[in-house]
N, C-alpha and C. Protein backbone atom coordinates (compact mmCIF):
# COMPACT_ATOMS: atom_id res chain seq x y z
N VAL A 1 -19.57 -2.60 -12.16
CA VAL A 1 -18.84 -3.28 -11.08
C VAL A 1 -18.89 -4.77 -11.34
N LYS A 2 -17.71 -5.40 -11.24
CA LYS A 2 -17.67 -6.86 -11.40
C LYS A 2 -17.30 -7.42 -10.05
N PRO A 3 -18.26 -8.10 -9.42
CA PRO A 3 -18.06 -8.65 -8.07
C PRO A 3 -17.02 -9.81 -8.15
N GLN A 4 -16.16 -9.86 -7.12
CA GLN A 4 -15.12 -10.88 -7.01
C GLN A 4 -15.30 -11.58 -5.66
N PRO A 5 -15.08 -12.84 -5.59
CA PRO A 5 -15.21 -13.54 -4.31
C PRO A 5 -14.03 -13.12 -3.42
N GLN A 6 -14.31 -13.10 -2.16
CA GLN A 6 -13.25 -12.70 -1.12
C GLN A 6 -12.38 -13.98 -1.00
N PRO A 7 -11.10 -13.73 -0.61
CA PRO A 7 -10.21 -14.86 -0.43
C PRO A 7 -10.74 -15.69 0.76
N SER A 8 -10.32 -16.94 0.74
CA SER A 8 -10.76 -17.81 1.82
C SER A 8 -10.12 -17.40 3.16
N ILE A 9 -10.72 -17.84 4.22
CA ILE A 9 -10.22 -17.47 5.54
C ILE A 9 -8.79 -17.91 5.73
N LYS A 10 -8.35 -19.01 5.10
CA LYS A 10 -7.01 -19.50 5.28
C LYS A 10 -5.94 -18.51 4.75
N GLU A 11 -6.30 -17.68 3.82
CA GLU A 11 -5.39 -16.73 3.22
C GLU A 11 -5.28 -15.46 4.07
N LEU A 12 -6.25 -15.17 4.90
CA LEU A 12 -6.26 -13.92 5.63
C LEU A 12 -5.42 -14.03 6.90
N LYS A 13 -4.75 -12.91 7.22
CA LYS A 13 -3.87 -12.92 8.45
C LYS A 13 -4.42 -11.86 9.37
N LEU A 14 -4.44 -12.15 10.66
CA LEU A 14 -4.85 -11.18 11.63
C LEU A 14 -3.79 -10.18 11.86
N ALA A 15 -4.14 -8.93 12.23
CA ALA A 15 -3.21 -7.95 12.59
C ALA A 15 -2.56 -8.25 13.92
N PRO A 16 -1.32 -7.91 14.10
CA PRO A 16 -0.62 -8.20 15.36
C PRO A 16 -1.32 -7.48 16.55
N LYS A 17 -1.27 -7.99 17.72
CA LYS A 17 -1.82 -7.37 18.91
C LYS A 17 -0.97 -6.12 19.24
N ILE A 18 -1.64 -5.07 19.68
CA ILE A 18 -0.96 -3.83 20.02
C ILE A 18 -0.74 -3.84 21.54
N HIS A 19 0.56 -3.67 21.93
CA HIS A 19 0.96 -3.61 23.32
C HIS A 19 1.44 -2.19 23.69
N LYS A 20 1.49 -1.88 24.94
CA LYS A 20 1.91 -0.50 25.28
C LYS A 20 3.31 -0.19 24.77
N GLU A 21 4.22 -1.19 24.77
CA GLU A 21 5.62 -0.93 24.33
C GLU A 21 5.63 -0.54 22.85
N THR A 22 4.71 -1.07 22.05
CA THR A 22 4.71 -0.77 20.61
C THR A 22 4.06 0.57 20.32
N CYS A 23 3.55 1.21 21.32
CA CYS A 23 2.91 2.54 21.10
C CYS A 23 3.77 3.75 21.43
N GLN A 24 5.03 3.41 21.89
CA GLN A 24 5.96 4.52 22.24
C GLN A 24 6.43 5.13 20.95
N ILE A 25 6.48 6.50 20.88
CA ILE A 25 6.92 7.17 19.67
C ILE A 25 8.40 7.09 19.57
N ASN A 26 8.90 6.73 18.33
CA ASN A 26 10.35 6.67 18.04
C ASN A 26 10.67 7.92 17.30
N TRP A 27 11.29 8.87 17.96
CA TRP A 27 11.57 10.22 17.37
C TRP A 27 12.70 10.18 16.42
N ASP A 28 13.31 9.04 16.16
CA ASP A 28 14.38 8.94 15.11
C ASP A 28 13.75 8.69 13.74
N LEU A 29 12.45 8.43 13.70
CA LEU A 29 11.79 8.15 12.39
C LEU A 29 11.56 9.62 11.71
N PRO A 30 11.33 9.57 10.37
CA PRO A 30 11.01 10.86 9.72
C PRO A 30 9.69 11.39 10.21
N ALA A 31 9.49 12.66 10.07
CA ALA A 31 8.31 13.37 10.61
C ALA A 31 7.04 12.74 10.02
N GLU A 32 7.00 12.37 8.78
CA GLU A 32 5.76 11.87 8.13
C GLU A 32 5.45 10.50 8.88
N ARG A 33 6.38 9.70 9.16
CA ARG A 33 6.17 8.39 9.79
C ARG A 33 5.70 8.58 11.20
N VAL A 34 6.27 9.58 11.92
CA VAL A 34 5.84 9.87 13.35
C VAL A 34 4.43 10.36 13.30
N ASN A 35 4.09 11.27 12.42
CA ASN A 35 2.74 11.82 12.29
C ASN A 35 1.74 10.68 11.98
N ASN A 36 2.01 9.80 11.07
CA ASN A 36 1.13 8.74 10.73
C ASN A 36 0.95 7.71 11.89
N PHE A 37 2.09 7.49 12.63
CA PHE A 37 2.06 6.59 13.80
C PHE A 37 1.06 7.17 14.85
N ILE A 38 1.20 8.45 15.11
CA ILE A 38 0.29 9.07 16.15
C ILE A 38 -1.11 9.00 15.66
N ARG A 39 -1.44 9.39 14.41
CA ARG A 39 -2.77 9.30 13.87
C ARG A 39 -3.35 7.91 13.87
N GLY A 40 -2.50 6.90 13.59
CA GLY A 40 -2.96 5.53 13.56
C GLY A 40 -3.37 4.94 14.92
N LEU A 41 -2.74 5.47 15.95
CA LEU A 41 -3.04 5.04 17.26
C LEU A 41 -4.04 5.88 18.09
N SER A 42 -4.49 6.92 17.39
CA SER A 42 -5.49 7.82 18.11
C SER A 42 -6.87 7.44 17.80
N PRO A 43 -7.84 7.41 18.69
CA PRO A 43 -7.73 7.87 20.03
C PRO A 43 -7.34 6.70 20.94
N TYR A 44 -7.45 5.47 20.55
CA TYR A 44 -7.15 4.41 21.43
C TYR A 44 -6.23 3.40 20.67
N PRO A 45 -5.13 2.93 21.22
CA PRO A 45 -4.67 3.12 22.52
C PRO A 45 -3.94 4.38 22.80
N GLY A 46 -3.50 5.08 21.76
CA GLY A 46 -2.79 6.35 21.92
C GLY A 46 -1.33 6.22 21.95
N ALA A 47 -0.63 7.03 21.05
CA ALA A 47 0.82 6.98 21.04
C ALA A 47 1.32 7.74 22.31
N TRP A 48 2.44 7.42 22.83
CA TRP A 48 2.98 8.08 23.98
C TRP A 48 4.49 8.29 23.88
N THR A 49 5.01 9.18 24.73
CA THR A 49 6.42 9.51 24.84
C THR A 49 6.72 9.87 26.24
N LYS A 50 8.01 10.01 26.62
CA LYS A 50 8.35 10.45 27.91
C LYS A 50 8.99 11.79 27.84
N ILE A 51 8.55 12.65 28.72
CA ILE A 51 9.07 14.00 28.86
C ILE A 51 9.38 14.28 30.37
N THR A 52 10.56 14.55 30.63
CA THR A 52 11.06 14.80 31.99
C THR A 52 10.66 13.62 32.96
N GLY A 53 10.69 12.40 32.42
CA GLY A 53 10.45 11.21 33.26
C GLY A 53 8.91 10.86 33.40
N LYS A 54 8.09 11.66 32.79
CA LYS A 54 6.63 11.41 32.86
C LYS A 54 6.16 11.01 31.45
N GLU A 55 5.19 10.01 31.49
CA GLU A 55 4.57 9.57 30.25
C GLU A 55 3.49 10.53 29.78
N LEU A 56 3.53 10.88 28.46
CA LEU A 56 2.64 11.81 27.88
C LEU A 56 1.97 11.17 26.63
N LYS A 57 0.67 11.07 26.63
CA LYS A 57 -0.08 10.54 25.52
C LYS A 57 -0.28 11.70 24.49
N ILE A 58 -0.07 11.29 23.24
CA ILE A 58 -0.23 12.25 22.14
C ILE A 58 -1.29 11.74 21.27
N PHE A 59 -2.37 12.55 21.07
CA PHE A 59 -3.49 12.08 20.28
C PHE A 59 -3.57 12.70 18.80
N SER A 60 -2.84 13.80 18.68
CA SER A 60 -2.86 14.45 17.30
C SER A 60 -1.48 15.15 17.12
N SER A 61 -1.19 15.30 15.82
CA SER A 61 0.06 15.97 15.48
C SER A 61 -0.04 16.56 14.08
N ARG A 62 0.90 17.41 13.71
CA ARG A 62 0.91 17.92 12.39
C ARG A 62 2.40 18.24 12.08
N ILE A 63 2.69 18.18 10.81
CA ILE A 63 4.07 18.50 10.35
C ILE A 63 4.11 19.99 9.99
N ILE A 64 5.10 20.70 10.53
CA ILE A 64 5.28 22.10 10.16
C ILE A 64 6.72 22.28 9.73
N GLN A 65 6.85 23.14 8.82
CA GLN A 65 8.24 23.53 8.31
C GLN A 65 8.73 24.72 9.15
N SER A 66 9.85 24.57 9.77
CA SER A 66 10.36 25.68 10.60
C SER A 66 11.94 25.73 10.44
N GLY A 67 12.43 26.79 10.82
CA GLY A 67 13.87 26.93 10.82
C GLY A 67 14.52 26.59 12.14
N SER A 68 13.88 25.78 12.95
CA SER A 68 14.38 25.45 14.24
C SER A 68 15.56 24.51 14.19
N SER A 69 16.42 24.64 15.22
CA SER A 69 17.60 23.82 15.30
C SER A 69 17.34 22.61 16.19
N LEU A 70 16.11 22.45 16.66
CA LEU A 70 15.76 21.32 17.58
C LEU A 70 15.76 20.00 16.78
N LYS A 71 16.18 18.98 17.43
CA LYS A 71 16.10 17.64 16.90
C LYS A 71 14.73 17.00 17.13
N PRO A 72 14.35 15.98 16.38
CA PRO A 72 13.04 15.35 16.58
C PRO A 72 12.91 14.90 18.02
N GLY A 73 11.80 15.19 18.65
CA GLY A 73 11.56 14.80 20.03
C GLY A 73 11.96 15.83 21.06
N GLU A 74 12.78 16.79 20.68
CA GLU A 74 13.19 17.83 21.60
C GLU A 74 12.08 18.95 21.63
N TYR A 75 12.03 19.66 22.66
CA TYR A 75 10.93 20.67 22.78
C TYR A 75 11.50 21.84 23.59
N ILE A 76 10.75 23.00 23.43
CA ILE A 76 11.07 24.16 24.22
C ILE A 76 9.71 24.64 24.75
N THR A 77 9.73 25.30 25.86
CA THR A 77 8.47 25.88 26.42
C THR A 77 8.73 27.32 26.78
N ASP A 78 7.63 28.00 27.03
CA ASP A 78 7.84 29.39 27.48
C ASP A 78 7.73 29.34 28.97
């Protein structure tokens, strides 16, 4: 291992602050990006979406291959 000095503080940039509005899931993105978005915000502050006018926090997700005709963000229940 060859140690290397870290860049000076002047070169480093802070991550942007996370606000509630930036945690809303955009269902128009590809499934992999939505999945990574949810994983990246879990457990805090948590990604969220609206279903029937109510806010729902989503803490985990997975991508599945299915023959469904549903669009991203649509759902069915029993």
